[in-house]
Amino acid sequence: MTLPKLQQSILSLKSWLFTPATKSDRFARAAEVHADALIVDLEDAVAPSAKKEAREAALRYLAVTHADHLPCALRINSPDTMFGFDDLEALLSSPADPDYLILPKCGSSALIGLVGNLLRETGKTAQIIALIESAKGVGALDEIVRGDAKPAALLFGAADMAADLGAETAWEPLLWVRSRVVQSAASTGIALLDSPYFNIGDTEGLKQETKASESLGFHGKCAIHPAQIAIINEVLTPNEQQVAKARQILVVNQKGVGSVDHQMVDEAVARKARLVLERAGIAVEK
């Protein structure tokens, strides 16, 4: 049975689980481990010899809105490659309509505009997430976030970025680039997703990086293993105390300048409070 899509703010989607399109039996695992979104991956997780099979499996799955209403994203191969061209052509001619389409190696606003136009012409509602994972992409950030075809979110890709820069895939060497991506997204109010943490067995490292990511300004974090989802959700989900304080701040803000817990409340503080509630999945008036 086909069900209507669930309308949900992208800011409330904190944990995004990458799953290879060759592992269609694992797609349901994202909902089981309480990931906020599933990313069906046709790119890095799929060998060249398996691309066609993976594409067909992904599009079959995405042709139906499943009962768990879990938001789904499809990461295609770069559209300037033959695999990516085939991915896009197959998507456009199929009944599949993911919630989000992730464009890897995104380096221009023109690419976002082109793909967005094709999606609309074929009746798709998928929103584009620009994957920033190259020096070229960083150089084009201002163009990307201020273009006519603005993406729904930026996704920072640490592994490819490190390879492109000749840097280590670690927090400190990539901090400046992460900060640059945060600044660009914030300048136009675009959601921001952080790269996965690649050491699956290092739970403490994942927790520390997720906290650092949140502190820097990221709204969500991706995962490459179901076991990582619980930690990401724990770190990024506002607790009851934070939600209650955010509500109190907004009540005070409506009356003008005041204070909550001895902290002055002005519009800047209120903006952060609105974000807390939106991350908690609570609708607020802007």
Protein backbone atom coordinates (compact mmCIF):
# COMPACT_ATOMS: atom_id res chain seq x y z
CA MET A 1 0.00 0.00 0.00
CA THR A 2 1.28 3.46 -0.87
CA LEU A 3 1.02 5.95 1.98
CA PRO A 4 1.39 9.74 1.96
CA LYS A 5 4.83 11.07 2.79
CA LEU A 6 5.42 12.27 6.32
CA GLN A 7 6.15 16.00 6.44
CA GLN A 8 8.99 16.50 8.88
CA SER A 9 11.51 19.29 9.32
CA ILE A 10 14.97 18.27 8.18
CA LEU A 11 16.31 19.93 11.35
CA SER A 12 14.56 17.26 13.41
CA LEU A 13 16.41 14.47 11.56
CA LYS A 14 19.48 13.98 13.73
CA SER A 15 20.75 10.50 12.77
CA TRP A 16 21.15 9.37 9.15
CA LEU A 17 22.13 5.74 8.49
CA PHE A 18 24.03 4.90 5.30
CA THR A 19 23.07 1.47 3.94
CA PRO A 20 24.49 -0.04 0.72
CA ALA A 21 21.85 -0.45 -1.97
CA THR A 22 23.16 -3.99 -2.45
CA LYS A 23 21.88 -4.83 1.05
CA SER A 24 18.15 -4.25 0.58
CA ASP A 25 17.44 -6.71 3.38
CA ARG A 26 19.04 -4.19 5.75
CA PHE A 27 16.97 -1.13 4.76
CA ALA A 28 14.41 -1.82 7.50
CA ARG A 29 17.22 -1.89 10.06
CA ALA A 30 17.35 1.91 10.08
CA ALA A 31 13.86 2.12 11.57
CA GLU A 32 14.56 -0.73 13.97
CA VAL A 33 17.54 1.09 15.52
CA HIS A 34 15.58 4.38 15.58
CA ALA A 35 17.58 6.24 12.97
CA ASP A 36 15.82 9.43 11.94
CA ALA A 37 16.56 8.83 8.25
CA LEU A 38 17.83 6.12 5.92
CA ILE A 39 20.39 6.85 3.20
CA VAL A 40 20.32 4.26 0.42
CA ASP A 41 23.81 4.40 -1.05
CA LEU A 42 24.58 3.79 -4.73
CA GLU A 43 28.03 5.38 -4.65
CA ASP A 44 30.99 4.46 -2.43
CA ALA A 45 29.39 1.41 -0.82
CA VAL A 46 28.70 -0.31 -4.16
CA ALA A 47 31.32 -1.93 -6.39
CA PRO A 48 31.22 -1.03 -10.11
CA SER A 49 30.14 -4.57 -11.00
CA ALA A 50 27.10 -4.28 -8.70
CA LYS A 51 25.89 -0.79 -9.68
CA LYS A 52 23.04 -1.93 -11.95
CA GLU A 53 21.69 -4.48 -9.47
CA ALA A 54 21.97 -1.97 -6.62
CA ARG A 55 20.19 0.75 -8.62
CA GLU A 56 17.26 -1.55 -9.39
CA ALA A 57 16.95 -2.63 -5.75
CA ALA A 58 17.06 0.94 -4.48
CA LEU A 59 14.41 2.18 -6.88
CA ARG A 60 12.11 -0.73 -6.10
CA TYR A 61 12.32 0.09 -2.41
CA LEU A 62 11.87 3.84 -2.90
CA ALA A 63 8.85 3.37 -5.17
CA VAL A 64 6.78 2.70 -2.06
CA THR A 65 6.36 4.87 1.03
CA HIS A 66 6.66 2.33 3.79
CA ALA A 67 4.51 2.06 6.89
CA ASP A 68 7.27 3.27 9.23
CA HIS A 69 7.33 6.63 7.36
CA LEU A 70 11.10 6.81 7.81
CA PRO A 71 12.47 9.63 5.66
CA CYS A 72 14.70 8.24 2.90
CA ALA A 73 17.56 9.74 0.96
CA LEU A 74 19.18 8.30 -2.15
CA ARG A 75 22.87 8.95 -2.74
CA ILE A 76 23.54 8.55 -6.43
CA ASN A 77 26.94 8.51 -8.10
CA SER A 78 28.24 11.85 -9.32
CA PRO A 79 26.09 12.96 -12.29
CA ASP A 80 29.24 13.77 -14.29
CA THR A 81 30.10 10.05 -14.38
CA MET A 82 28.40 7.36 -16.45
CA PHE A 83 27.22 5.57 -13.30
CA GLY A 84 25.71 8.80 -12.01
CA PHE A 85 24.08 9.57 -15.34
CA ASP A 86 22.51 6.11 -15.34
CA ASP A 87 21.37 6.56 -11.71
CA LEU A 88 19.67 9.85 -12.50
CA GLU A 89 18.07 8.61 -15.71
CA ALA A 90 16.71 5.52 -13.96
CA LEU A 91 15.33 7.58 -11.06
CA LEU A 92 13.61 10.08 -13.34
CA SER A 93 11.91 7.35 -15.36
CA SER A 94 10.82 5.33 -12.33
CA PRO A 95 7.96 5.79 -9.83
CA ALA A 96 10.52 6.15 -7.03
CA ASP A 97 10.52 9.51 -5.24
CA PRO A 98 12.87 9.64 -2.25
CA ASP A 99 12.52 12.45 0.28
CA TYR A 100 16.06 13.58 -0.48
CA LEU A 101 18.56 13.13 -3.28
CA ILE A 102 22.22 13.40 -2.27
CA LEU A 103 24.55 14.78 -4.94
CA PRO A 104 28.16 13.69 -4.30
CA LYS A 105 31.18 15.79 -5.24
CA CYS A 106 28.89 18.80 -5.48
CA GLY A 107 30.89 21.74 -6.81
CA SER A 108 28.42 24.18 -8.34
CA SER A 109 24.99 25.72 -8.01
CA ALA A 110 24.43 24.94 -11.70
CA LEU A 111 24.46 21.19 -11.00
CA ILE A 112 21.89 21.58 -8.23
CA GLY A 113 19.71 23.69 -10.53
CA LEU A 114 19.95 21.21 -13.39
CA VAL A 115 19.09 18.17 -11.28
CA GLY A 116 16.35 20.10 -9.47
CA ASN A 117 14.74 21.06 -12.77
CA LEU A 118 14.81 17.47 -13.97
CA LEU A 119 13.21 16.29 -10.74
CA ARG A 120 10.40 18.82 -11.03
CA GLU A 121 9.81 18.09 -14.72
CA THR A 122 9.26 14.43 -13.91
CA GLY A 123 7.00 15.15 -10.94
CA LYS A 124 9.47 14.27 -8.20
CA THR A 125 9.31 16.02 -4.83
CA ALA A 126 12.79 14.95 -3.66
CA GLN A 127 14.85 17.74 -2.11
CA ILE A 128 18.55 17.98 -2.89
CA ILE A 129 21.31 17.57 -0.33
CA ALA A 130 24.68 18.86 -1.57
CA LEU A 131 27.58 16.66 -0.46
CA ILE A 132 30.60 18.92 0.07
CA GLU A 133 33.66 16.69 -0.09
CA SER A 134 36.24 18.39 -2.30
CA ALA A 135 38.36 21.52 -2.39
CA LYS A 136 36.31 22.62 -5.40
CA GLY A 137 33.12 22.23 -3.38
CA VAL A 138 34.51 24.39 -0.57
CA GLY A 139 35.48 27.04 -3.10
CA ALA A 140 31.94 27.05 -4.50
CA LEU A 141 30.13 27.16 -1.13
CA ASP A 142 28.92 30.76 -1.38
CA GLU A 143 27.60 30.12 -4.88
CA ILE A 144 25.90 26.89 -3.77
CA VAL A 145 24.08 28.32 -0.74
CA ARG A 146 23.05 31.56 -2.47
CA GLY A 147 22.03 30.15 -5.83
CA ASP A 148 18.46 30.20 -7.11
CA ALA A 149 18.31 26.43 -6.58
CA LYS A 150 19.28 26.33 -2.92
CA PRO A 151 19.78 22.81 -1.50
CA ALA A 152 17.80 21.60 1.51
CA ALA A 153 21.04 20.79 3.32
CA LEU A 154 24.79 20.54 3.06
CA LEU A 155 26.44 17.25 3.97
CA PHE A 156 30.13 17.34 4.88
CA GLY A 157 32.13 14.40 3.52
CA ALA A 158 35.25 13.93 5.63
CA ALA A 159 36.89 10.97 3.87
CA ASP A 160 36.90 12.37 0.34
CA MET A 161 37.70 15.85 1.62
CA ALA A 162 40.75 14.56 3.49
CA ALA A 163 41.90 12.67 0.40
CA ASP A 164 41.44 15.75 -1.77
CA LEU A 165 43.36 17.97 0.65
CA GLY A 166 46.02 15.39 1.46
CA ALA A 167 45.01 15.66 5.12
CA GLU A 168 44.25 13.11 7.82
CA THR A 169 40.64 12.02 8.28
CA ALA A 170 40.54 13.43 11.80
CA TRP A 171 38.77 16.28 13.57
CA GLU A 172 41.62 18.76 13.91
CA PRO A 173 42.99 18.67 10.34
CA LEU A 174 39.47 19.15 8.94
CA LEU A 175 38.21 21.66 11.51
CA TRP A 176 38.76 24.72 9.34
CA VAL A 177 36.88 23.14 6.42
CA ARG A 178 34.03 22.02 8.68
CA SER A 179 33.82 25.55 10.08
CA ARG A 180 33.70 27.00 6.58
CA VAL A 181 30.81 24.69 5.66
CA VAL A 182 28.97 25.63 8.86
CA GLN A 183 29.39 29.35 8.18
CA SER A 184 28.09 29.00 4.61
CA ALA A 185 25.05 26.96 5.61
CA ALA A 186 24.19 29.30 8.48
CA SER A 187 24.40 32.36 6.24
CA THR A 188 21.28 31.26 4.36
CA GLY A 189 19.58 29.04 6.93
CA ILE A 190 20.40 25.68 5.33
CA ALA A 191 20.45 22.49 7.41
CA LEU A 192 23.83 20.90 7.98
CA LEU A 193 24.78 17.22 8.31
CA ASP A 194 28.17 15.94 9.44
CA SER A 195 30.21 13.09 8.04
CA PRO A 196 30.09 9.64 9.62
CA TYR A 197 32.65 8.65 12.22
CA PHE A 198 34.55 5.84 10.54
CA ASN A 199 35.95 3.90 13.52
CA ILE A 200 32.96 1.67 14.22
CA GLY A 201 34.41 0.19 17.40
CA ASP A 202 35.33 3.52 19.01
CA THR A 203 32.08 4.52 20.73
CA GLU A 204 33.75 7.14 22.93
CA GLY A 205 35.35 8.74 19.89
CA LEU A 206 31.97 8.83 18.16
CA LYS A 207 30.39 10.50 21.17
CA GLN A 208 33.14 13.11 21.40
CA GLU A 209 33.02 13.92 17.69
CA THR A 210 29.21 14.16 17.71
CA LYS A 211 29.34 16.59 20.64
CA ALA A 212 32.04 18.63 18.88
CA SER A 213 29.99 18.58 15.70
CA GLU A 214 26.90 19.86 17.50
CA SER A 215 28.92 22.56 19.26
CA LEU A 216 30.25 23.72 15.90
CA GLY A 217 26.76 24.09 14.44
CA PHE A 218 25.84 20.84 12.69
CA HIS A 219 22.21 19.75 12.98
CA GLY A 220 22.65 16.03 12.28
CA LYS A 221 25.27 13.33 11.86
CA CYS A 222 25.52 10.37 9.53
CA ALA A 223 26.39 6.82 10.54
CA ILE A 224 27.83 3.85 8.68
CA HIS A 225 26.72 1.20 11.18
CA PRO A 226 23.42 0.68 13.06
CA ALA A 227 25.31 0.52 16.37
CA GLN A 228 26.28 4.18 15.99
CA ILE A 229 22.70 5.48 15.87
CA ALA A 230 21.92 5.28 19.60
CA ILE A 231 24.93 7.44 20.51
CA ILE A 232 24.16 10.04 17.83
CA ASN A 233 20.55 10.24 19.01
CA GLU A 234 21.60 10.49 22.65
CA VAL A 235 23.94 13.42 21.96
CA LEU A 236 21.79 15.35 19.49
CA THR A 237 18.29 14.89 20.94
CA PRO A 238 17.34 17.75 23.27
CA ASN A 239 16.40 16.43 26.72
CA GLU A 240 13.29 17.40 28.68
CA GLN A 241 15.16 20.10 30.61
CA GLN A 242 16.48 21.69 27.41
CA VAL A 243 13.03 21.62 25.82
CA ALA A 244 11.42 23.15 28.90
CA LYS A 245 14.02 25.92 29.03
CA ALA A 246 13.60 26.63 25.32
CA ARG A 247 9.83 26.99 25.79
CA GLN A 248 10.39 29.32 28.74
CA ILE A 249 12.81 31.45 26.72
CA LEU A 250 10.25 31.90 23.95
CA VAL A 251 7.55 32.89 26.43
CA VAL A 252 9.85 35.53 27.94
CA ASN A 253 10.96 36.68 24.49
CA GLN A 254 7.38 37.42 23.48
CA LYS A 255 7.21 39.95 26.31
CA GLY A 256 10.42 41.70 25.28
CA VAL A 257 13.90 41.51 26.83
CA GLY A 258 13.98 39.46 30.04
CA SER A 259 15.95 36.66 31.65
CA VAL A 260 15.79 32.90 32.24
CA ASP A 261 18.09 31.26 34.79
CA HIS A 262 19.93 34.57 35.18
CA GLN A 263 20.67 34.67 31.43
CA MET A 264 19.47 37.62 29.40
CA VAL A 265 16.93 36.66 26.75
CA ASP A 266 17.00 38.54 23.47
CA GLU A 267 16.23 37.55 19.89
CA ALA A 268 19.57 35.78 19.44
CA VAL A 269 18.85 33.55 22.45
CA ALA A 270 15.31 33.01 21.18
CA ARG A 271 16.61 31.85 17.81
CA LYS A 272 18.67 29.13 19.50
CA ALA A 273 15.64 28.13 21.57
CA ARG A 274 13.56 27.72 18.41
CA LEU A 275 16.26 25.48 16.98
CA VAL A 276 16.23 23.31 20.12
CA LEU A 277 12.48 22.79 19.76
CA GLU A 278 12.73 22.13 16.03
CA ARG A 279 15.45 19.54 16.64
CA ALA A 280 13.10 17.94 19.18
CA GLY A 281 10.44 17.76 16.46
CA ILE A 282 8.28 20.47 18.04
CA ALA A 283 6.78 22.95 15.62
CA VAL A 284 7.40 26.60 16.53
CA GLU A 285 6.44 29.89 14.98
CA LYS A 286 9.37 31.78 13.47
